[in-house]
């Protein structure tokens, strides 16, 4: 049922997004058509989690805070239906094990041979710069032994700036880079240096695609 809902929502929303946002998409051929894959992107706006799934050539799951799935009334139903259709999965952020539970949920998606989207920075950029990535993306890639496709979005911060409620029309671009694999680090998910090296490689690829200024890359990161 969810697969049918996804196809319906994608069919209806994709042309609307294309017109409203004048979306320019490149590199779709870089996303493997089957098998587990991680799409690792920079993060400029709440709406990134709609723009990327609607631009990707295959279904991509994202984590979303549980509150988006429990809102009351018609607005709550609409948000819940839209997020579910686009492959979003609820996650509790206030628990002591929230980070590991989120990674475990993502790993389940990859073990089913599906696509999973992640923002290695961990949060939206408030100044347009690209923060140093956290190593969860590497843990996932090395544990699931799957490729990572770097992704760069641009313009979404103009569509829905941080702390604003409603989107506005603005041109958006989405670029999918060539998939990255890490054979030299295979089986080393528990090795902190290996995770750091893989994460930095992913972030360098995102930076090359996005052209963003780097922020805090000389500082230690998880």
Foldseek 3Di string as FASTA:
>chain_A
DLQVLLVVCLVPVLVVCCVQAVEAEPDLVQDDPWFEEEEEEAAADPCVLVVVLSRHPFQEEEEDAPVCQDDDDPNSVVSNSVNSSSHYDHFHDPDPCRVVVRLVVSLVCRVVTHYYYDHQCNDHDQPQAGEQGALSVVLSCQVSVHWYKYKYKPDVCQQANPPRDHGGGYHMYMYTHHIDGDVVCHPPSVPPVSSNVVSVVSSVVNCVVHVGHYDPPVPDHD
